[in-house]
Amino acid sequence: MTDPRRAPGADLPQWVAHVTDRLGVDPALVDVDRLLNVSSEVAHTVARPAVPVTMFVAGLAAAGRTPDEIAVLLADVEASARAWDDEPA
């Protein structure tokens, strides 16, 4: 099975390298698998349109943090998404 992150025209590692260089972000701070997992959780428990907004807010919150702090932040976002169905309307 072909990894869709490396499909022709959709090489995710190449894109991440490009966009981090372009924006002056340390690529070591970008845990692609973790981000995809959080995005999936948000898409399936909150709503698909919530993914880009959530990830943008998480990105703003991650600014200036260490990789370990970012991991904690992403775990909190993922846990919040999982608990979303349990929240009162």
Protein backbone atom coordinates (compact mmCIF):
# COMPACT_ATOMS: atom_id res chain seq x y z
CA MET A 1 0.00 0.00 0.00
CA THR A 2 1.31 3.44 -0.90
CA ASP A 3 1.61 6.05 1.83
CA PRO A 4 -0.82 8.84 0.80
CA ARG A 5 1.48 11.38 2.43
CA ARG A 6 4.01 10.59 -0.32
CA ALA A 7 1.66 10.32 -3.29
CA PRO A 8 2.76 12.15 -6.45
CA GLY A 9 2.05 15.83 -5.95
CA ALA A 10 1.31 15.28 -2.27
CA ASP A 11 4.70 14.60 -0.70
CA LEU A 12 3.95 15.69 2.86
CA PRO A 13 7.55 15.53 4.15
CA GLN A 14 8.68 17.64 1.20
CA TRP A 15 5.84 20.12 1.81
CA VAL A 16 6.65 20.37 5.53
CA ALA A 17 10.31 20.99 4.72
CA HIS A 18 9.30 23.68 2.23
CA VAL A 19 6.77 25.48 4.42
CA THR A 20 8.90 25.39 7.58
CA ASP A 21 11.83 26.83 5.64
CA ARG A 22 9.61 29.47 4.07
CA LEU A 23 8.11 30.51 7.43
CA GLY A 24 11.30 30.19 9.49
CA VAL A 25 10.03 27.37 11.67
CA ASP A 26 12.28 24.64 13.05
CA PRO A 27 11.10 21.46 11.29
CA ALA A 28 11.98 19.47 14.42
CA LEU A 29 8.94 21.11 16.04
CA VAL A 30 6.60 19.56 13.46
CA ASP A 31 5.50 16.08 14.49
CA VAL A 32 3.47 15.21 11.40
CA ASP A 33 2.06 11.93 12.73
CA ARG A 34 0.98 13.59 15.99
CA LEU A 35 -0.65 16.48 14.14
CA LEU A 36 -2.50 14.08 11.85
CA ASN A 37 -3.74 12.10 14.86
CA VAL A 38 -5.02 15.24 16.60
CA SER A 39 -6.63 16.42 13.36
CA SER A 40 -8.35 13.08 12.94
CA GLU A 41 -9.69 13.16 16.50
CA VAL A 42 -11.07 16.68 16.00
CA ALA A 43 -12.61 15.73 12.64
CA HIS A 44 -14.36 12.68 14.05
CA THR A 45 -15.53 14.02 17.41
CA VAL A 46 -16.10 17.73 16.84
CA ALA A 47 -16.49 18.47 13.11
CA ARG A 48 -14.36 18.36 9.99
CA PRO A 49 -14.45 22.16 9.55
CA ALA A 50 -13.10 22.48 13.10
CA VAL A 51 -9.78 20.91 12.08
CA PRO A 52 -8.04 23.85 10.38
CA VAL A 53 -9.30 26.33 12.96
CA THR A 54 -8.27 24.10 15.85
CA MET A 55 -4.85 23.47 14.38
CA PHE A 56 -4.34 27.20 13.75
CA VAL A 57 -5.24 28.00 17.37
CA ALA A 58 -2.94 25.19 18.57
CA GLY A 59 -0.19 26.62 16.37
CA LEU A 60 -0.60 30.05 17.91
CA ALA A 61 -0.49 28.50 21.37
CA ALA A 62 2.61 26.48 20.46
CA ALA A 63 4.65 29.54 19.48
CA GLY A 64 7.82 29.74 21.52
CA ARG A 65 7.24 26.45 23.33
CA THR A 66 9.58 23.47 23.50
CA PRO A 67 8.81 20.20 21.71
CA ASP A 68 7.80 18.64 25.04
CA GLU A 69 5.46 21.54 25.81
CA ILE A 70 3.96 21.28 22.33
CA ALA A 71 3.35 17.57 22.87
CA VAL A 72 1.46 18.36 26.09
CA LEU A 73 -0.53 21.07 24.32
CA LEU A 74 -1.51 18.69 21.51
CA ALA A 75 -2.45 15.99 24.02
CA ASP A 76 -4.74 18.52 25.70
CA VAL A 77 -6.36 19.44 22.37
CA GLU A 78 -6.87 15.76 21.56
CA ALA A 79 -8.35 15.05 25.01
CA SER A 80 -10.64 18.05 24.68
CA ALA A 81 -11.86 16.77 21.32
CA ARG A 82 -12.46 13.29 22.75
CA ALA A 83 -14.48 14.81 25.60
CA TRP A 84 -16.47 17.07 23.27
CA ASP A 85 -19.39 14.65 23.02
CA ASP A 86 -19.60 14.59 26.82
CA GLU A 87 -19.99 18.37 27.07
CA PRO A 88 -23.49 19.71 27.70
CA ALA A 89 -25.02 21.45 24.69
